[in-house]
Amino acid sequence: MKTLTVLEASASAAFRFRLEGGMDERDRDELEAMDSGYVLGPDWPSIVSDSVDVRHRIHYMKRRNLGFGYIGARDPVFEDRLRSVDPDLPRILGSIVADLYLNGTRMLIDHAENIEAETPRGRGRGWCGPLLQRLISSFGSDAPLERCFVYRMPAGFEGNFEIGGNKMKGFTTDLVFGIGYEG
């Protein structure tokens, strides 16, 4: 089977998050010390899903009970494009990206089921899958949702997982992602 791209990972396909859970300067120093230089080599694109630097950062965050609080899309044009599909889509896709980085869940259909299970009563079941399928279609792809997945990038790739801010104003990071499918 061949992997095809629905949405190319880039600076415009990124969400900004607040680092939550009591992060301090020491945490920032620890995370920044996990340099991606040893990961980036001549064949780094072939290993991005298993990026050592991202796994180390996530492991550290989990040990310290740190998490991601959604702020919004990095690129306002990208956010507007998502809103044109559905007003809730930026927050939903941002949640998917945070979960991808923290838990490694890749398949979009699994994310749809998880989101539906977490949604308060009243919205019902079966709404998130069609919404994500409309998202896939909005990128000009007819790939079935069941074969689509999200993927993460190494720290440093177009600003991915670089930490900004300080303890007073809060720490933020952008998480870059892409969408592909097996066809």
C-alpha atoms as a PDB file:
ATOM      1  CA  MET A   1       0.000   0.000   0.000  1.00  0.00           C
ATOM      2  CA  LYS A   2       1.155   3.506  -0.800  1.00  0.00           C
ATOM      3  CA  THR A   3       0.866   6.526   1.514  1.00  0.00           C
ATOM      4  CA  LEU A   4      -0.620   9.624  -0.130  1.00  0.00           C
ATOM      5  CA  THR A   5      -0.945  13.186   1.168  1.00  0.00           C
ATOM      6  CA  VAL A   6      -4.230  14.969   1.865  1.00  0.00           C
ATOM      7  CA  LEU A   7      -2.762  17.941   3.772  1.00  0.00           C
ATOM      8  CA  GLU A   8       0.971  18.611   3.627  1.00  0.00           C
ATOM      9  CA  ALA A   9       2.612  19.315   6.987  1.00  0.00           C
ATOM     10  CA  SER A  10       3.715  22.952   7.009  1.00  0.00           C
ATOM     11  CA  ALA A  11       3.827  26.104   9.120  1.00  0.00           C
ATOM     12  CA  SER A  12       0.307  26.954   7.989  1.00  0.00           C
ATOM     13  CA  ALA A  13      -0.980  23.538   9.144  1.00  0.00           C
ATOM     14  CA  ALA A  14      -0.267  24.090  12.828  1.00  0.00           C
ATOM     15  CA  PHE A  15      -2.158  24.823  16.002  1.00  0.00           C
ATOM     16  CA  ARG A  16      -0.986  26.946  18.909  1.00  0.00           C
ATOM     17  CA  PHE A  17      -1.338  25.558  22.422  1.00  0.00           C
ATOM     18  CA  ARG A  18      -0.791  26.811  25.932  1.00  0.00           C
ATOM     19  CA  LEU A  19       1.427  24.445  27.949  1.00  0.00           C
ATOM     20  CA  GLU A  20      -0.618  23.688  31.052  1.00  0.00           C
ATOM     21  CA  GLY A  21      -0.048  21.939  34.342  1.00  0.00           C
ATOM     22  CA  GLY A  22       2.338  24.242  36.172  1.00  0.00           C
ATOM     23  CA  MET A  23       5.179  24.494  33.679  1.00  0.00           C
ATOM     24  CA  ASP A  24       8.124  26.590  34.817  1.00  0.00           C
ATOM     25  CA  GLU A  25      11.493  27.762  33.471  1.00  0.00           C
ATOM     26  CA  ARG A  26      13.172  24.507  34.530  1.00  0.00           C
ATOM     27  CA  ASP A  27      10.655  22.550  32.406  1.00  0.00           C
ATOM     28  CA  ARG A  28      11.299  24.841  29.469  1.00  0.00           C
ATOM     29  CA  ASP A  29      15.056  24.332  29.799  1.00  0.00           C
ATOM     30  CA  GLU A  30      14.598  20.546  29.951  1.00  0.00           C
ATOM     31  CA  LEU A  31      12.370  20.480  26.868  1.00  0.00           C
ATOM     32  CA  GLU A  32      14.656  22.771  24.886  1.00  0.00           C
ATOM     33  CA  ALA A  33      17.676  20.628  25.807  1.00  0.00           C
ATOM     34  CA  MET A  34      16.091  17.770  23.859  1.00  0.00           C
ATOM     35  CA  ASP A  35      17.730  19.006  20.662  1.00  0.00           C
ATOM     36  CA  SER A  36      16.491  17.602  17.390  1.00  0.00           C
ATOM     37  CA  GLY A  37      19.906  17.969  15.743  1.00  0.00           C
ATOM     38  CA  TYR A  38      20.709  14.311  16.125  1.00  0.00           C
ATOM     39  CA  VAL A  39      17.405  13.324  14.513  1.00  0.00           C
ATOM     40  CA  LEU A  40      17.697  15.561  11.478  1.00  0.00           C
ATOM     41  CA  GLY A  41      19.895  13.830   8.977  1.00  0.00           C
ATOM     42  CA  PRO A  42      19.893  13.008   5.274  1.00  0.00           C
ATOM     43  CA  ASP A  43      16.944  10.628   5.670  1.00  0.00           C
ATOM     44  CA  TRP A  44      14.984  12.479   8.396  1.00  0.00           C
ATOM     45  CA  PRO A  45      11.711  12.678   6.419  1.00  0.00           C
ATOM     46  CA  SER A  46      11.504   8.885   6.543  1.00  0.00           C
ATOM     47  CA  ILE A  47      11.585   8.834  10.344  1.00  0.00           C
ATOM     48  CA  VAL A  48       9.306  11.729  11.287  1.00  0.00           C
ATOM     49  CA  SER A  49       6.534   9.571  12.723  1.00  0.00           C
ATOM     50  CA  ASP A  50       9.052   8.064  15.138  1.00  0.00           C
ATOM     51  CA  SER A  51      10.832  11.305  15.913  1.00  0.00           C
ATOM     52  CA  VAL A  52      12.981  10.710  18.984  1.00  0.00           C
ATOM     53  CA  ASP A  53      12.936  14.333  20.092  1.00  0.00           C
ATOM     54  CA  VAL A  54       9.119  14.509  20.078  1.00  0.00           C
ATOM     55  CA  ARG A  55       8.815  11.231  21.989  1.00  0.00           C
ATOM     56  CA  HIS A  56      11.256  12.479  24.626  1.00  0.00           C
ATOM     57  CA  ARG A  57       9.409  15.773  24.991  1.00  0.00           C
ATOM     58  CA  ILE A  58       6.044  14.030  25.330  1.00  0.00           C
ATOM     59  CA  HIS A  59       7.471  11.527  27.824  1.00  0.00           C
ATOM     60  CA  TYR A  60       8.813  14.407  29.894  1.00  0.00           C
ATOM     61  CA  MET A  61       5.485  16.282  29.715  1.00  0.00           C
ATOM     62  CA  LYS A  62       3.530  13.216  30.827  1.00  0.00           C
ATOM     63  CA  ARG A  63       5.894  12.632  33.757  1.00  0.00           C
ATOM     64  CA  ARG A  64       5.390  16.242  34.848  1.00  0.00           C
ATOM     65  CA  ASN A  65       1.602  16.147  34.200  1.00  0.00           C
ATOM     66  CA  LEU A  66       1.870  18.894  31.599  1.00  0.00           C
ATOM     67  CA  GLY A  67      -0.627  19.162  28.765  1.00  0.00           C
ATOM     68  CA  PHE A  68      -1.821  21.258  25.837  1.00  0.00           C
ATOM     69  CA  GLY A  69      -4.555  23.899  26.115  1.00  0.00           C
ATOM     70  CA  TYR A  70      -6.003  24.878  22.726  1.00  0.00           C
ATOM     71  CA  ILE A  71      -5.488  28.489  21.618  1.00  0.00           C
ATOM     72  CA  GLY A  72      -6.146  28.346  17.851  1.00  0.00           C
ATOM     73  CA  ALA A  73      -4.673  27.786  14.424  1.00  0.00           C
ATOM     74  CA  ARG A  74      -1.315  29.470  13.847  1.00  0.00           C
ATOM     75  CA  ASP A  75      -2.435  30.732  10.428  1.00  0.00           C
ATOM     76  CA  PRO A  76      -5.712  32.726  10.412  1.00  0.00           C
ATOM     77  CA  VAL A  77      -6.304  31.775   6.753  1.00  0.00           C
ATOM     78  CA  PHE A  78      -6.118  28.095   7.692  1.00  0.00           C
ATOM     79  CA  GLU A  79      -8.514  28.683  10.595  1.00  0.00           C
ATOM     80  CA  ASP A  80     -10.970  30.461   8.267  1.00  0.00           C
ATOM     81  CA  ARG A  81     -10.746  27.574   5.813  1.00  0.00           C
ATOM     82  CA  LEU A  82     -11.579  25.125   8.597  1.00  0.00           C
ATOM     83  CA  ARG A  83     -14.459  27.307   9.820  1.00  0.00           C
ATOM     84  CA  SER A  84     -15.885  27.360   6.288  1.00  0.00           C
ATOM     85  CA  VAL A  85     -16.333  23.579   6.571  1.00  0.00           C
ATOM     86  CA  ASP A  86     -17.789  23.814  10.096  1.00  0.00           C
ATOM     87  CA  PRO A  87     -17.472  26.513  12.803  1.00  0.00           C
ATOM     88  CA  ASP A  88     -16.387  23.895  15.369  1.00  0.00           C
ATOM     89  CA  LEU A  89     -13.763  22.306  13.119  1.00  0.00           C
ATOM     90  CA  PRO A  90     -10.715  24.343  14.270  1.00  0.00           C
ATOM     91  CA  ARG A  91     -11.262  23.300  17.890  1.00  0.00           C
ATOM     92  CA  ILE A  92     -12.026  19.679  16.906  1.00  0.00           C
ATOM     93  CA  LEU A  93      -8.956  19.382  14.688  1.00  0.00           C
ATOM     94  CA  GLY A  94      -6.845  21.117  17.347  1.00  0.00           C
ATOM     95  CA  SER A  95      -8.023  18.503  19.842  1.00  0.00           C
ATOM     96  CA  ILE A  96      -7.063  15.760  17.392  1.00  0.00           C
ATOM     97  CA  VAL A  97      -3.579  17.229  16.960  1.00  0.00           C
ATOM     98  CA  ALA A  98      -3.031  17.532  20.731  1.00  0.00           C
ATOM     99  CA  ASP A  99      -4.174  13.932  21.178  1.00  0.00           C
ATOM    100  CA  LEU A 100      -1.906  12.814  18.324  1.00  0.00           C
ATOM    101  CA  TYR A 101       1.115  14.303  20.056  1.00  0.00           C
ATOM    102  CA  LEU A 102       0.218  13.157  23.579  1.00  0.00           C
ATOM    103  CA  ASN A 103      -1.167   9.702  22.860  1.00  0.00           C
ATOM    104  CA  GLY A 104       0.047   8.821  19.369  1.00  0.00           C
ATOM    105  CA  THR A 105      -3.403   7.972  18.007  1.00  0.00           C
ATOM    106  CA  ARG A 106      -3.156   8.397  14.237  1.00  0.00           C
ATOM    107  CA  MET A 107      -6.355   7.208  12.517  1.00  0.00           C
ATOM    108  CA  LEU A 108      -8.961   9.933  12.014  1.00  0.00           C
ATOM    109  CA  ILE A 109     -11.848   7.489  12.461  1.00  0.00           C
ATOM    110  CA  ASP A 110     -10.529   6.654  15.955  1.00  0.00           C
ATOM    111  CA  HIS A 111     -10.373  10.357  16.792  1.00  0.00           C
ATOM    112  CA  ALA A 112     -13.956  10.809  15.557  1.00  0.00           C
ATOM    113  CA  GLU A 113     -15.174   8.028  17.847  1.00  0.00           C
ATOM    114  CA  ASN A 114     -13.230   9.423  20.810  1.00  0.00           C
ATOM    115  CA  ILE A 115     -14.578  12.946  20.287  1.00  0.00           C
ATOM    116  CA  GLU A 116     -18.154  11.675  20.009  1.00  0.00           C
ATOM    117  CA  ALA A 117     -17.715   9.697  23.233  1.00  0.00           C
ATOM    118  CA  GLU A 118     -16.467  12.816  25.052  1.00  0.00           C
ATOM    119  CA  THR A 119     -19.154  15.165  23.722  1.00  0.00           C
ATOM    120  CA  PRO A 120     -21.962  15.984  26.142  1.00  0.00           C
ATOM    121  CA  ARG A 121     -25.331  14.404  25.446  1.00  0.00           C
ATOM    122  CA  GLY A 122     -27.532  16.124  22.939  1.00  0.00           C
ATOM    123  CA  ARG A 123     -25.233  16.050  19.935  1.00  0.00           C
ATOM    124  CA  GLY A 124     -25.766  12.318  19.472  1.00  0.00           C
ATOM    125  CA  ARG A 125     -23.542   9.819  17.742  1.00  0.00           C
ATOM    126  CA  GLY A 126     -22.256   9.692  14.196  1.00  0.00           C
ATOM    127  CA  TRP A 127     -21.701  13.418  13.636  1.00  0.00           C
ATOM    128  CA  CYS A 128     -17.897  13.708  13.826  1.00  0.00           C
ATOM    129  CA  GLY A 129     -17.002  11.174  11.117  1.00  0.00           C
ATOM    130  CA  PRO A 130     -19.006  12.980   8.404  1.00  0.00           C
ATOM    131  CA  LEU A 131     -17.538  16.303   9.571  1.00  0.00           C
ATOM    132  CA  LEU A 132     -13.984  14.971   9.186  1.00  0.00           C
ATOM    133  CA  GLN A 133     -14.926  13.449   5.811  1.00  0.00           C
ATOM    134  CA  ARG A 134     -16.048  16.935   4.680  1.00  0.00           C
ATOM    135  CA  LEU A 135     -12.663  18.223   5.844  1.00  0.00           C
ATOM    136  CA  ILE A 136     -10.874  15.603   3.715  1.00  0.00           C
ATOM    137  CA  SER A 137     -13.065  16.531   0.738  1.00  0.00           C
ATOM    138  CA  SER A 138     -12.322  20.239   1.250  1.00  0.00           C
ATOM    139  CA  PHE A 139      -8.670  19.436   0.487  1.00  0.00           C
ATOM    140  CA  GLY A 140      -9.697  17.887  -2.830  1.00  0.00           C
ATOM    141  CA  SER A 141      -9.380  14.276  -1.753  1.00  0.00           C
ATOM    142  CA  ASP A 142     -11.935  11.495  -2.051  1.00  0.00           C
ATOM    143  CA  ALA A 143     -10.032   9.268   0.397  1.00  0.00           C
ATOM    144  CA  PRO A 144     -12.320   7.382   2.779  1.00  0.00           C
ATOM    145  CA  LEU A 145     -12.051   8.549   6.376  1.00  0.00           C
ATOM    146  CA  GLU A 146     -11.301   5.003   7.544  1.00  0.00           C
ATOM    147  CA  ARG A 147      -7.944   5.148   5.714  1.00  0.00           C
ATOM    148  CA  CYS A 148      -6.959   8.695   6.672  1.00  0.00           C
ATOM    149  CA  PHE A 149      -4.496   9.473   9.437  1.00  0.00           C
ATOM    150  CA  VAL A 150      -2.810  12.471  11.020  1.00  0.00           C
ATOM    151  CA  TYR A 151       0.951  12.583  11.466  1.00  0.00           C
ATOM    152  CA  ARG A 152       3.337  14.687  13.498  1.00  0.00           C
ATOM    153  CA  MET A 153       6.642  16.280  12.626  1.00  0.00           C
ATOM    154  CA  PRO A 154      10.007  16.497  14.443  1.00  0.00           C
ATOM    155  CA  ALA A 155      10.616  19.312  16.880  1.00  0.00           C
ATOM    156  CA  GLY A 156      12.018  22.303  15.044  1.00  0.00           C
ATOM    157  CA  PHE A 157      10.356  21.514  11.700  1.00  0.00           C
ATOM    158  CA  GLU A 158       8.862  24.903  10.721  1.00  0.00           C
ATOM    159  CA  GLY A 159       8.708  25.910  14.383  1.00  0.00           C
ATOM    160  CA  ASN A 160       7.145  22.669  15.581  1.00  0.00           C
ATOM    161  CA  PHE A 161       7.196  22.165  19.358  1.00  0.00           C
ATOM    162  CA  GLU A 162       9.401  25.212  19.967  1.00  0.00           C
ATOM    163  CA  ILE A 163       8.438  26.831  23.247  1.00  0.00           C
ATOM    164  CA  GLY A 164       7.705  30.528  23.591  1.00  0.00           C
ATOM    165  CA  GLY A 165       6.607  32.738  26.431  1.00  0.00           C
ATOM    166  CA  ASN A 166       7.534  32.760  30.092  1.00  0.00           C
ATOM    167  CA  LYS A 167       6.114  31.835  33.490  1.00  0.00           C
ATOM    168  CA  MET A 168       4.378  35.194  33.913  1.00  0.00           C
ATOM    169  CA  LYS A 169       2.575  35.238  30.553  1.00  0.00           C
ATOM    170  CA  GLY A 170       2.431  31.476  30.114  1.00  0.00           C
ATOM    171  CA  PHE A 171       4.264  29.120  27.804  1.00  0.00           C
ATOM    172  CA  THR A 172       3.023  28.303  24.308  1.00  0.00           C
ATOM    173  CA  THR A 173       3.996  25.988  21.506  1.00  0.00           C
ATOM    174  CA  ASP A 174       2.864  25.269  17.964  1.00  0.00           C
ATOM    175  CA  LEU A 175       2.268  21.706  16.823  1.00  0.00           C
ATOM    176  CA  VAL A 176       2.663  21.043  13.089  1.00  0.00           C
ATOM    177  CA  PHE A 177       0.760  18.148  11.546  1.00  0.00           C
ATOM    178  CA  GLY A 178      -0.262  16.663   8.229  1.00  0.00           C
ATOM    179  CA  ILE A 179      -3.013  14.368   6.977  1.00  0.00           C
ATOM    180  CA  GLY A 180      -2.370  11.365   4.782  1.00  0.00           C
ATOM    181  CA  TYR A 181      -4.097   8.185   3.698  1.00  0.00           C
ATOM    182  CA  GLU A 182      -3.173   4.725   2.625  1.00  0.00           C
ATOM    183  CA  GLY A 183      -4.319   4.119  -0.913  1.00  0.00           C
END
